ModelCIF file with pLDDT and N, C-alpha, C, O atoms, coordinates in Angstrom:
data_MODEL
#
_entry.id   MODEL 
#
_entity.id                         1 
_entity.type                       polymer 
_entity.pdbx_number_of_molecules   1 
#
_entity_poly.entity_id                      1 
_entity_poly.type                           'polypeptide(L)' 
_entity_poly.nstd_linkage                   no 
_entity_poly.nstd_monomer                   no 
_entity_poly.pdbx_seq_one_letter_code       
;(UNK)(UNK)(UNK)(UNK)(UNK)(UNK)(UNK)(UNK)(UNK)(UNK)(UNK)(UNK)(UNK)(UNK)(UNK)(UNK)
(UNK)(UNK)(UNK)(UNK)(UNK)(UNK)(UNK)(UNK)(UNK)(UNK)(UNK)(UNK)(UNK)(UNK)(UNK)(UNK)
(UNK)(UNK)(UNK)(UNK)(UNK)(UNK)(UNK)(UNK)(UNK)(UNK)(UNK)(UNK)(UNK)(UNK)(UNK)
;
_entity_poly.pdbx_seq_one_letter_code_can   XXXXXXXXXXXXXXXXXXXXXXXXXXXXXXXXXXXXXXXXXXXXXXX 
_entity_poly.pdbx_strand_id                 A 
#
loop_
_entity_poly_seq.entity_id 
_entity_poly_seq.num 
_entity_poly_seq.mon_id 
_entity_poly_seq.hetero 
1 1  UNK n 
1 2  UNK n 
1 3  UNK n 
1 4  UNK n 
1 5  UNK n 
1 6  UNK n 
1 7  UNK n 
1 8  UNK n 
1 9  UNK n 
1 10 UNK n 
1 11 UNK n 
1 12 UNK n 
1 13 UNK n 
1 14 UNK n 
1 15 UNK n 
1 16 UNK n 
1 17 UNK n 
1 18 UNK n 
1 19 UNK n 
1 20 UNK n 
1 21 UNK n 
1 22 UNK n 
1 23 UNK n 
1 24 UNK n 
1 25 UNK n 
1 26 UNK n 
1 27 UNK n 
1 28 UNK n 
1 29 UNK n 
1 30 UNK n 
1 31 UNK n 
1 32 UNK n 
1 33 UNK n 
1 34 UNK n 
1 35 UNK n 
1 36 UNK n 
1 37 UNK n 
1 38 UNK n 
1 39 UNK n 
1 40 UNK n 
1 41 UNK n 
1 42 UNK n 
1 43 UNK n 
1 44 UNK n 
1 45 UNK n 
1 46 UNK n 
1 47 UNK n 
#
_struct_asym.id          A 
_struct_asym.entity_id   1 
#
loop_
_ma_qa_metric.id 
_ma_qa_metric.mode 
_ma_qa_metric.name 
_ma_qa_metric.software_group_id 
_ma_qa_metric.type 
1 global pLDDT . pLDDT 
2 local  pLDDT . pLDDT 
#
_ma_qa_metric_global.metric_id      1 
_ma_qa_metric_global.metric_value   94.49 
_ma_qa_metric_global.model_id       1 
_ma_qa_metric_global.ordinal_id     1 
#
loop_
_ma_qa_metric_local.label_asym_id 
_ma_qa_metric_local.label_comp_id 
_ma_qa_metric_local.label_seq_id 
_ma_qa_metric_local.metric_id 
_ma_qa_metric_local.metric_value 
_ma_qa_metric_local.model_id 
_ma_qa_metric_local.ordinal_id 
A UNK 1  2 94.00 1 1  
A UNK 2  2 91.00 1 2  
A UNK 3  2 95.00 1 3  
A UNK 4  2 94.00 1 4  
A UNK 5  2 90.00 1 5  
A UNK 6  2 88.00 1 6  
A UNK 7  2 90.00 1 7  
A UNK 8  2 93.00 1 8  
A UNK 9  2 93.00 1 9  
A UNK 10 2 95.00 1 10 
A UNK 11 2 94.00 1 11 
A UNK 12 2 95.00 1 12 
A UNK 13 2 95.00 1 13 
A UNK 14 2 95.00 1 14 
A UNK 15 2 96.00 1 15 
A UNK 16 2 96.00 1 16 
A UNK 17 2 96.00 1 17 
A UNK 18 2 96.00 1 18 
A UNK 19 2 96.00 1 19 
A UNK 20 2 96.00 1 20 
A UNK 21 2 95.00 1 21 
A UNK 22 2 96.00 1 22 
A UNK 23 2 95.00 1 23 
A UNK 24 2 96.00 1 24 
A UNK 25 2 96.00 1 25 
A UNK 26 2 96.00 1 26 
A UNK 27 2 95.00 1 27 
A UNK 28 2 95.00 1 28 
A UNK 29 2 96.00 1 29 
A UNK 30 2 96.00 1 30 
A UNK 31 2 96.00 1 31 
A UNK 32 2 96.00 1 32 
A UNK 33 2 96.00 1 33 
A UNK 34 2 96.00 1 34 
A UNK 35 2 96.00 1 35 
A UNK 36 2 95.00 1 36 
A UNK 37 2 94.00 1 37 
A UNK 38 2 95.00 1 38 
A UNK 39 2 95.00 1 39 
A UNK 40 2 96.00 1 40 
A UNK 41 2 96.00 1 41 
A UNK 42 2 95.00 1 42 
A UNK 43 2 93.00 1 43 
A UNK 44 2 89.00 1 44 
A UNK 45 2 89.00 1 45 
A UNK 46 2 94.00 1 46 
A UNK 47 2 96.00 1 47 
#
loop_
_atom_site.group_PDB 
_atom_site.id 
_atom_site.type_symbol 
_atom_site.label_atom_id 
_atom_site.label_alt_id 
_atom_site.label_comp_id 
_atom_site.label_asym_id 
_atom_site.label_entity_id 
_atom_site.label_seq_id 
_atom_site.pdbx_PDB_ins_code 
_atom_site.Cartn_x 
_atom_site.Cartn_y 
_atom_site.Cartn_z 
_atom_site.occupancy 
_atom_site.B_iso_or_equiv 
_atom_site.pdbx_formal_charge 
_atom_site.auth_seq_id 
_atom_site.auth_comp_id 
_atom_site.auth_asym_id 
_atom_site.auth_atom_id 
_atom_site.pdbx_PDB_model_num 
ATOM 1   N N  . UNK A 1 1  ? -6.067  0.459   -2.326  1.00 94.00 ? 1  UNK A N  1 
ATOM 2   C CA . UNK A 1 1  ? -6.493  1.833   -2.075  1.00 94.00 ? 1  UNK A CA 1 
ATOM 3   C C  . UNK A 1 1  ? -7.624  1.890   -1.056  1.00 94.00 ? 1  UNK A C  1 
ATOM 4   O O  . UNK A 1 1  ? -7.724  2.845   -0.285  1.00 94.00 ? 1  UNK A O  1 
ATOM 5   N N  . UNK A 1 2  ? -8.473  0.871   -1.052  1.00 91.00 ? 2  UNK A N  1 
ATOM 6   C CA . UNK A 1 2  ? -9.611  0.861   -0.135  1.00 91.00 ? 2  UNK A CA 1 
ATOM 7   C C  . UNK A 1 2  ? -9.195  0.651   1.322   1.00 91.00 ? 2  UNK A C  1 
ATOM 8   O O  . UNK A 1 2  ? -10.002 0.846   2.231   1.00 91.00 ? 2  UNK A O  1 
ATOM 9   N N  . UNK A 1 3  ? -7.947  0.256   1.544   1.00 95.00 ? 3  UNK A N  1 
ATOM 10  C CA . UNK A 1 3  ? -7.466  0.091   2.913   1.00 95.00 ? 3  UNK A CA 1 
ATOM 11  C C  . UNK A 1 3  ? -7.203  1.436   3.586   1.00 95.00 ? 3  UNK A C  1 
ATOM 12  O O  . UNK A 1 3  ? -7.193  1.530   4.814   1.00 95.00 ? 3  UNK A O  1 
ATOM 13  N N  . UNK A 1 4  ? -6.991  2.468   2.785   1.00 94.00 ? 4  UNK A N  1 
ATOM 14  C CA . UNK A 1 4  ? -6.691  3.788   3.330   1.00 94.00 ? 4  UNK A CA 1 
ATOM 15  C C  . UNK A 1 4  ? -7.970  4.457   3.825   1.00 94.00 ? 4  UNK A C  1 
ATOM 16  O O  . UNK A 1 4  ? -9.000  4.424   3.152   1.00 94.00 ? 4  UNK A O  1 
ATOM 17  N N  . UNK A 1 5  ? -7.893  5.063   5.007   1.00 90.00 ? 5  UNK A N  1 
ATOM 18  C CA . UNK A 1 5  ? -9.046  5.713   5.616   1.00 90.00 ? 5  UNK A CA 1 
ATOM 19  C C  . UNK A 1 5  ? -8.531  6.723   6.628   1.00 90.00 ? 5  UNK A C  1 
ATOM 20  O O  . UNK A 1 5  ? -7.335  6.747   6.917   1.00 90.00 ? 5  UNK A O  1 
ATOM 21  N N  . UNK A 1 6  ? -9.418  7.564   7.177   1.00 88.00 ? 6  UNK A N  1 
ATOM 22  C CA . UNK A 1 6  ? -8.931  8.625   8.084   1.00 88.00 ? 6  UNK A CA 1 
ATOM 23  C C  . UNK A 1 6  ? -8.085  8.127   9.246   1.00 88.00 ? 6  UNK A C  1 
ATOM 24  O O  . UNK A 1 6  ? -7.126  8.795   9.632   1.00 88.00 ? 6  UNK A O  1 
ATOM 25  N N  . UNK A 1 7  ? -8.416  6.965   9.817   1.00 90.00 ? 7  UNK A N  1 
ATOM 26  C CA . UNK A 1 7  ? -7.619  6.472   10.937  1.00 90.00 ? 7  UNK A CA 1 
ATOM 27  C C  . UNK A 1 7  ? -6.433  5.620   10.483  1.00 90.00 ? 7  UNK A C  1 
ATOM 28  O O  . UNK A 1 7  ? -5.673  5.118   11.310  1.00 90.00 ? 7  UNK A O  1 
ATOM 29  N N  . UNK A 1 8  ? -6.277  5.458   9.157   1.00 93.00 ? 8  UNK A N  1 
ATOM 30  C CA . UNK A 1 8  ? -5.126  4.734   8.601   1.00 93.00 ? 8  UNK A CA 1 
ATOM 31  C C  . UNK A 1 8  ? -4.750  5.409   7.287   1.00 93.00 ? 8  UNK A C  1 
ATOM 32  O O  . UNK A 1 8  ? -4.996  4.863   6.212   1.00 93.00 ? 8  UNK A O  1 
ATOM 33  N N  . UNK A 1 9  ? -4.143  6.618   7.376   1.00 93.00 ? 9  UNK A N  1 
ATOM 34  C CA . UNK A 1 9  ? -3.860  7.396   6.169   1.00 93.00 ? 9  UNK A CA 1 
ATOM 35  C C  . UNK A 1 9  ? -2.681  6.880   5.352   1.00 93.00 ? 9  UNK A C  1 
ATOM 36  O O  . UNK A 1 9  ? -2.523  7.254   4.190   1.00 93.00 ? 9  UNK A O  1 
ATOM 37  N N  . UNK A 1 10 ? -1.859  6.032   5.942   1.00 95.00 ? 10 UNK A N  1 
ATOM 38  C CA . UNK A 1 10 ? -0.724  5.460   5.211   1.00 95.00 ? 10 UNK A CA 1 
ATOM 39  C C  . UNK A 1 10 ? -0.635  3.960   5.481   1.00 95.00 ? 10 UNK A C  1 
ATOM 40  O O  . UNK A 1 10 ? -1.169  3.452   6.467   1.00 95.00 ? 10 UNK A O  1 
ATOM 41  N N  . UNK A 1 11 ? 0.060   3.266   4.571   1.00 94.00 ? 11 UNK A N  1 
ATOM 42  C CA . UNK A 1 11 ? 0.219   1.814   4.645   1.00 94.00 ? 11 UNK A CA 1 
ATOM 43  C C  . UNK A 1 11 ? 1.646   1.424   4.327   1.00 94.00 ? 11 UNK A C  1 
ATOM 44  O O  . UNK A 1 11 ? 2.310   2.066   3.513   1.00 94.00 ? 11 UNK A O  1 
ATOM 45  N N  . UNK A 1 12 ? 2.108   0.381   4.965   1.00 95.00 ? 12 UNK A N  1 
ATOM 46  C CA . UNK A 1 12 ? 3.340   -0.273  4.556   1.00 95.00 ? 12 UNK A CA 1 
ATOM 47  C C  . UNK A 1 12 ? 2.963   -1.572  3.844   1.00 95.00 ? 12 UNK A C  1 
ATOM 48  O O  . UNK A 1 12 ? 1.835   -2.049  3.972   1.00 95.00 ? 12 UNK A O  1 
ATOM 49  N N  . UNK A 1 13 ? 3.888   -2.130  3.109   1.00 95.00 ? 13 UNK A N  1 
ATOM 50  C CA . UNK A 1 13 ? 3.618   -3.365  2.379   1.00 95.00 ? 13 UNK A CA 1 
ATOM 51  C C  . UNK A 1 13 ? 3.210   -4.482  3.335   1.00 95.00 ? 13 UNK A C  1 
ATOM 52  O O  . UNK A 1 13 ? 2.355   -5.304  3.003   1.00 95.00 ? 13 UNK A O  1 
ATOM 53  N N  . UNK A 1 14 ? 3.813   -4.513  4.514   1.00 95.00 ? 14 UNK A N  1 
ATOM 54  C CA . UNK A 1 14 ? 3.442   -5.536  5.516   1.00 95.00 ? 14 UNK A CA 1 
ATOM 55  C C  . UNK A 1 14 ? 1.970   -5.421  5.901   1.00 95.00 ? 14 UNK A C  1 
ATOM 56  O O  . UNK A 1 14 ? 1.303   -6.431  6.125   1.00 95.00 ? 14 UNK A O  1 
ATOM 57  N N  . UNK A 1 15 ? 1.459   -4.179  5.978   1.00 96.00 ? 15 UNK A N  1 
ATOM 58  C CA . UNK A 1 15 ? 0.042   -3.974  6.306   1.00 96.00 ? 15 UNK A CA 1 
ATOM 59  C C  . UNK A 1 15 ? -0.850  -4.568  5.215   1.00 96.00 ? 15 UNK A C  1 
ATOM 60  O O  . UNK A 1 15 ? -1.865  -5.202  5.503   1.00 96.00 ? 15 UNK A O  1 
ATOM 61  N N  . UNK A 1 16 ? -0.456  -4.353  3.964   1.00 96.00 ? 16 UNK A N  1 
ATOM 62  C CA . UNK A 1 16 ? -1.236  -4.864  2.837   1.00 96.00 ? 16 UNK A CA 1 
ATOM 63  C C  . UNK A 1 16 ? -1.282  -6.389  2.868   1.00 96.00 ? 16 UNK A C  1 
ATOM 64  O O  . UNK A 1 16 ? -2.333  -6.994  2.658   1.00 96.00 ? 16 UNK A O  1 
ATOM 65  N N  . UNK A 1 17 ? -0.135  -6.997  3.130   1.00 96.00 ? 17 UNK A N  1 
ATOM 66  C CA . UNK A 1 17 ? -0.083  -8.462  3.202   1.00 96.00 ? 17 UNK A CA 1 
ATOM 67  C C  . UNK A 1 17 ? -0.964  -8.979  4.335   1.00 96.00 ? 17 UNK A C  1 
ATOM 68  O O  . UNK A 1 17 ? -1.673  -9.973  4.180   1.00 96.00 ? 17 UNK A O  1 
ATOM 69  N N  . UNK A 1 18 ? -0.910  -8.297  5.468   1.00 96.00 ? 18 UNK A N  1 
ATOM 70  C CA . UNK A 1 18 ? -1.671  -8.756  6.632   1.00 96.00 ? 18 UNK A CA 1 
ATOM 71  C C  . UNK A 1 18 ? -3.173  -8.563  6.450   1.00 96.00 ? 18 UNK A C  1 
ATOM 72  O O  . UNK A 1 18 ? -3.964  -9.440  6.798   1.00 96.00 ? 18 UNK A O  1 
ATOM 73  N N  . UNK A 1 19 ? -3.558  -7.423  5.909   1.00 96.00 ? 19 UNK A N  1 
ATOM 74  C CA . UNK A 1 19 ? -4.980  -7.086  5.813   1.00 96.00 ? 19 UNK A CA 1 
ATOM 75  C C  . UNK A 1 19 ? -5.674  -7.746  4.629   1.00 96.00 ? 19 UNK A C  1 
ATOM 76  O O  . UNK A 1 19 ? -6.865  -8.049  4.699   1.00 96.00 ? 19 UNK A O  1 
ATOM 77  N N  . UNK A 1 20 ? -4.947  -7.967  3.554   1.00 96.00 ? 20 UNK A N  1 
ATOM 78  C CA . UNK A 1 20 ? -5.559  -8.535  2.354   1.00 96.00 ? 20 UNK A CA 1 
ATOM 79  C C  . UNK A 1 20 ? -5.113  -9.970  2.069   1.00 96.00 ? 20 UNK A C  1 
ATOM 80  O O  . UNK A 1 20 ? -5.668  -10.637 1.195   1.00 96.00 ? 20 UNK A O  1 
ATOM 81  N N  . UNK A 1 21 ? -4.114  -10.437 2.807   1.00 95.00 ? 21 UNK A N  1 
ATOM 82  C CA . UNK A 1 21 ? -3.646  -11.805 2.601   1.00 95.00 ? 21 UNK A CA 1 
ATOM 83  C C  . UNK A 1 21 ? -2.826  -11.991 1.339   1.00 95.00 ? 21 UNK A C  1 
ATOM 84  O O  . UNK A 1 21 ? -2.717  -13.107 0.830   1.00 95.00 ? 21 UNK A O  1 
ATOM 85  N N  . UNK A 1 22 ? -2.243  -10.907 0.823   1.00 96.00 ? 22 UNK A N  1 
ATOM 86  C CA . UNK A 1 22 ? -1.444  -11.008 -0.395  1.00 96.00 ? 22 UNK A CA 1 
ATOM 87  C C  . UNK A 1 22 ? -0.036  -11.475 -0.070  1.00 96.00 ? 22 UNK A C  1 
ATOM 88  O O  . UNK A 1 22 ? 0.476   -11.210 1.018   1.00 96.00 ? 22 UNK A O  1 
ATOM 89  N N  . UNK A 1 23 ? 0.580   -12.159 -0.995  1.00 95.00 ? 23 UNK A N  1 
ATOM 90  C CA . UNK A 1 23 ? 1.985   -12.519 -0.866  1.00 95.00 ? 23 UNK A CA 1 
ATOM 91  C C  . UNK A 1 23 ? 2.822   -11.248 -0.987  1.00 95.00 ? 23 UNK A C  1 
ATOM 92  O O  . UNK A 1 23 ? 2.423   -10.323 -1.696  1.00 95.00 ? 23 UNK A O  1 
ATOM 93  N N  . UNK A 1 24 ? 3.987   -11.176 -0.306  1.00 96.00 ? 24 UNK A N  1 
ATOM 94  C CA . UNK A 1 24 ? 4.808   -9.961  -0.381  1.00 96.00 ? 24 UNK A CA 1 
ATOM 95  C C  . UNK A 1 24 ? 5.141   -9.532  -1.805  1.00 96.00 ? 24 UNK A C  1 
ATOM 96  O O  . UNK A 1 24 ? 5.105   -8.343  -2.122  1.00 96.00 ? 24 UNK A O  1 
ATOM 97  N N  . UNK A 1 25 ? 5.466   -10.494 -2.662  1.00 96.00 ? 25 UNK A N  1 
ATOM 98  C CA . UNK A 1 25 ? 5.809   -10.148 -4.047  1.00 96.00 ? 25 UNK A CA 1 
ATOM 99  C C  . UNK A 1 25 ? 4.633   -9.479  -4.749  1.00 96.00 ? 25 UNK A C  1 
ATOM 100 O O  . UNK A 1 25 ? 4.817   -8.529  -5.509  1.00 96.00 ? 25 UNK A O  1 
ATOM 101 N N  . UNK A 1 26 ? 3.426   -9.977  -4.495  1.00 96.00 ? 26 UNK A N  1 
ATOM 102 C CA . UNK A 1 26 ? 2.225   -9.394  -5.106  1.00 96.00 ? 26 UNK A CA 1 
ATOM 103 C C  . UNK A 1 26 ? 1.981   -7.998  -4.563  1.00 96.00 ? 26 UNK A C  1 
ATOM 104 O O  . UNK A 1 26 ? 1.693   -7.076  -5.326  1.00 96.00 ? 26 UNK A O  1 
ATOM 105 N N  . UNK A 1 27 ? 2.093   -7.834  -3.260  1.00 95.00 ? 27 UNK A N  1 
ATOM 106 C CA . UNK A 1 27 ? 1.856   -6.530  -2.636  1.00 95.00 ? 27 UNK A CA 1 
ATOM 107 C C  . UNK A 1 27 ? 2.857   -5.496  -3.148  1.00 95.00 ? 27 UNK A C  1 
ATOM 108 O O  . UNK A 1 27 ? 2.482   -4.365  -3.457  1.00 95.00 ? 27 UNK A O  1 
ATOM 109 N N  . UNK A 1 28 ? 4.136   -5.885  -3.236  1.00 95.00 ? 28 UNK A N  1 
ATOM 110 C CA . UNK A 1 28 ? 5.149   -4.962  -3.747  1.00 95.00 ? 28 UNK A CA 1 
ATOM 111 C C  . UNK A 1 28 ? 4.848   -4.570  -5.192  1.00 95.00 ? 28 UNK A C  1 
ATOM 112 O O  . UNK A 1 28 ? 5.017   -3.408  -5.562  1.00 95.00 ? 28 UNK A O  1 
ATOM 113 N N  . UNK A 1 29 ? 4.410   -5.509  -6.001  1.00 96.00 ? 29 UNK A N  1 
ATOM 114 C CA . UNK A 1 29 ? 4.105   -5.219  -7.403  1.00 96.00 ? 29 UNK A CA 1 
ATOM 115 C C  . UNK A 1 29 ? 2.930   -4.247  -7.522  1.00 96.00 ? 29 UNK A C  1 
ATOM 116 O O  . UNK A 1 29 ? 2.972   -3.304  -8.312  1.00 96.00 ? 29 UNK A O  1 
ATOM 117 N N  . UNK A 1 30 ? 1.892   -4.483  -6.736  1.00 96.00 ? 30 UNK A N  1 
ATOM 118 C CA . UNK A 1 30 ? 0.735   -3.592  -6.792  1.00 96.00 ? 30 UNK A CA 1 
ATOM 119 C C  . UNK A 1 30 ? 1.103   -2.197  -6.341  1.00 96.00 ? 30 UNK A C  1 
ATOM 120 O O  . UNK A 1 30 ? 0.686   -1.214  -6.954  1.00 96.00 ? 30 UNK A O  1 
ATOM 121 N N  . UNK A 1 31 ? 1.883   -2.097  -5.273  1.00 96.00 ? 31 UNK A N  1 
ATOM 122 C CA . UNK A 1 31 ? 2.302   -0.782  -4.770  1.00 96.00 ? 31 UNK A CA 1 
ATOM 123 C C  . UNK A 1 31 ? 3.126   -0.060  -5.826  1.00 96.00 ? 31 UNK A C  1 
ATOM 124 O O  . UNK A 1 31 ? 2.921   1.129   -6.071  1.00 96.00 ? 31 UNK A O  1 
ATOM 125 N N  . UNK A 1 32 ? 4.049   -0.769  -6.446  1.00 96.00 ? 32 UNK A N  1 
ATOM 126 C CA . UNK A 1 32 ? 4.899   -0.151  -7.469  1.00 96.00 ? 32 UNK A CA 1 
ATOM 127 C C  . UNK A 1 32 ? 4.054   0.389   -8.626  1.00 96.00 ? 32 UNK A C  1 
ATOM 128 O O  . UNK A 1 32 ? 4.291   1.498   -9.104  1.00 96.00 ? 32 UNK A O  1 
ATOM 129 N N  . UNK A 1 33 ? 3.074   -0.391  -9.072  1.00 96.00 ? 33 UNK A N  1 
ATOM 130 C CA . UNK A 1 33 ? 2.235   0.038   -10.193 1.00 96.00 ? 33 UNK A CA 1 
ATOM 131 C C  . UNK A 1 33 ? 1.355   1.220   -9.802  1.00 96.00 ? 33 UNK A C  1 
ATOM 132 O O  . UNK A 1 33 ? 1.153   2.130   -10.606 1.00 96.00 ? 33 UNK A O  1 
ATOM 133 N N  . UNK A 1 34 ? 0.836   1.217   -8.596  1.00 96.00 ? 34 UNK A N  1 
ATOM 134 C CA . UNK A 1 34 ? 0.000   2.323   -8.137  1.00 96.00 ? 34 UNK A CA 1 
ATOM 135 C C  . UNK A 1 34 ? 0.817   3.610   -7.970  1.00 96.00 ? 34 UNK A C  1 
ATOM 136 O O  . UNK A 1 34 ? 0.320   4.702   -8.246  1.00 96.00 ? 34 UNK A O  1 
ATOM 137 N N  . UNK A 1 35 ? 2.065   3.479   -7.521  1.00 96.00 ? 35 UNK A N  1 
ATOM 138 C CA . UNK A 1 35 ? 2.949   4.642   -7.411  1.00 96.00 ? 35 UNK A CA 1 
ATOM 139 C C  . UNK A 1 35 ? 3.278   5.172   -8.804  1.00 96.00 ? 35 UNK A C  1 
ATOM 140 O O  . UNK A 1 35 ? 3.302   6.385   -9.013  1.00 96.00 ? 35 UNK A O  1 
ATOM 141 N N  . UNK A 1 36 ? 3.528   4.288   -9.745  1.00 95.00 ? 36 UNK A N  1 
ATOM 142 C CA . UNK A 1 36 ? 3.897   4.689   -11.104 1.00 95.00 ? 36 UNK A CA 1 
ATOM 143 C C  . UNK A 1 36 ? 2.815   5.534   -11.772 1.00 95.00 ? 36 UNK A C  1 
ATOM 144 O O  . UNK A 1 36 ? 3.129   6.421   -12.566 1.00 95.00 ? 36 UNK A O  1 
ATOM 145 N N  . UNK A 1 37 ? 1.553   5.272   -11.464 1.00 94.00 ? 37 UNK A N  1 
ATOM 146 C CA . UNK A 1 37 ? 0.467   6.033   -12.094 1.00 94.00 ? 37 UNK A CA 1 
ATOM 147 C C  . UNK A 1 37 ? -0.053  7.159   -11.196 1.00 94.00 ? 37 UNK A C  1 
ATOM 148 O O  . UNK A 1 37 ? -1.038  7.815   -11.534 1.00 94.00 ? 37 UNK A O  1 
ATOM 149 N N  . UNK A 1 38 ? 0.600   7.383   -10.060 1.00 95.00 ? 38 UNK A N  1 
ATOM 150 C CA . UNK A 1 38 ? 0.258   8.510   -9.214  1.00 95.00 ? 38 UNK A CA 1 
ATOM 151 C C  . UNK A 1 38 ? -0.896  8.292   -8.252  1.00 95.00 ? 38 UNK A C  1 
ATOM 152 O O  . UNK A 1 38 ? -1.353  9.245   -7.621  1.00 95.00 ? 38 UNK A O  1 
ATOM 153 N N  . UNK A 1 39 ? -1.383  7.054   -8.122  1.00 95.00 ? 39 UNK A N  1 
ATOM 154 C CA . UNK A 1 39 ? -2.484  6.785   -7.202  1.00 95.00 ? 39 UNK A CA 1 
ATOM 155 C C  . UNK A 1 39 ? -1.988  6.574   -5.776  1.00 95.00 ? 39 UNK A C  1 
ATOM 156 O O  . UNK A 1 39 ? -2.751  6.746   -4.825  1.00 95.00 ? 39 UNK A O  1 
ATOM 157 N N  . UNK A 1 40 ? -0.727  6.206   -5.618  1.00 96.00 ? 40 UNK A N  1 
ATOM 158 C CA . UNK A 1 40 ? -0.076  6.143   -4.311  1.00 96.00 ? 40 UNK A CA 1 
ATOM 159 C C  . UNK A 1 40 ? 1.203   6.964   -4.367  1.00 96.00 ? 40 UNK A C  1 
ATOM 160 O O  . UNK A 1 40 ? 1.792   7.145   -5.433  1.00 96.00 ? 40 UNK A O  1 
ATOM 161 N N  . UNK A 1 41 ? 1.624   7.454   -3.216  1.00 96.00 ? 41 UNK A N  1 
ATOM 162 C CA . UNK A 1 41 ? 2.871   8.196   -3.118  1.00 96.00 ? 41 UNK A CA 1 
ATOM 163 C C  . UNK A 1 41 ? 3.562   7.772   -1.830  1.00 96.00 ? 41 UNK A C  1 
ATOM 164 O O  . UNK A 1 41 ? 2.904   7.481   -0.832  1.00 96.00 ? 41 UNK A O  1 
ATOM 165 N N  . UNK A 1 42 ? 4.882   7.739   -1.856  1.00 95.00 ? 42 UNK A N  1 
ATOM 166 C CA . UNK A 1 42 ? 5.653   7.377   -0.672  1.00 95.00 ? 42 UNK A CA 1 
ATOM 167 C C  . UNK A 1 42 ? 5.730   8.558   0.272   1.00 95.00 ? 42 UNK A C  1 
ATOM 168 O O  . UNK A 1 42 ? 6.175   9.637   -0.118  1.00 95.00 ? 42 UNK A O  1 
ATOM 169 N N  . UNK A 1 43 ? 5.300   8.367   1.516   1.00 93.00 ? 43 UNK A N  1 
ATOM 170 C CA . UNK A 1 43 ? 5.330   9.391   2.550   1.00 93.00 ? 43 UNK A CA 1 
ATOM 171 C C  . UNK A 1 43 ? 6.156   8.891   3.733   1.00 93.00 ? 43 UNK A C  1 
ATOM 172 O O  . UNK A 1 43 ? 6.477   7.705   3.798   1.00 93.00 ? 43 UNK A O  1 
ATOM 173 N N  . UNK A 1 44 ? 6.504   9.776   4.671   1.00 89.00 ? 44 UNK A N  1 
ATOM 174 C CA . UNK A 1 44 ? 7.306   9.331   5.827   1.00 89.00 ? 44 UNK A CA 1 
ATOM 175 C C  . UNK A 1 44 ? 6.675   8.178   6.602   1.00 89.00 ? 44 UNK A C  1 
ATOM 176 O O  . UNK A 1 44 ? 7.397   7.335   7.135   1.00 89.00 ? 44 UNK A O  1 
ATOM 177 N N  . UNK A 1 45 ? 5.334   8.120   6.678   1.00 89.00 ? 45 UNK A N  1 
ATOM 178 C CA . UNK A 1 45 ? 4.694   7.069   7.447   1.00 89.00 ? 45 UNK A CA 1 
ATOM 179 C C  . UNK A 1 45 ? 4.314   5.846   6.642   1.00 89.00 ? 45 UNK A C  1 
ATOM 180 O O  . UNK A 1 45 ? 3.723   4.910   7.179   1.00 89.00 ? 45 UNK A O  1 
ATOM 181 N N  . UNK A 1 46 ? 4.647   5.840   5.353   1.00 94.00 ? 46 UNK A N  1 
ATOM 182 C CA . UNK A 1 46 ? 4.275   4.728   4.491   1.00 94.00 ? 46 UNK A CA 1 
ATOM 183 C C  . UNK A 1 46 ? 3.732   5.254   3.176   1.00 94.00 ? 46 UNK A C  1 
ATOM 184 O O  . UNK A 1 46 ? 4.086   6.353   2.750   1.00 94.00 ? 46 UNK A O  1 
ATOM 185 N N  . UNK A 1 47 ? 2.867   4.469   2.525   1.00 96.00 ? 47 UNK A N  1 
ATOM 186 C CA . UNK A 1 47 ? 2.276   4.878   1.259   1.00 96.00 ? 47 UNK A CA 1 
ATOM 187 C C  . UNK A 1 47 ? 0.888   5.477   1.496   1.00 96.00 ? 47 UNK A C  1 
ATOM 188 O O  . UNK A 1 47 ? 0.220   5.884   0.545   1.00 96.00 ? 47 UNK A O  1 
#
């Protein structure tokens, strides 16, 4: 969530892996859990 900012309002999983060094499986899991609780939402430009 801290990766999101005014000049980067959306993220793709690849961005999370690149910026935080997470493995794709980990990044996908975190995104899924954050979407499930309403802290992230899927938008046309990413999450």
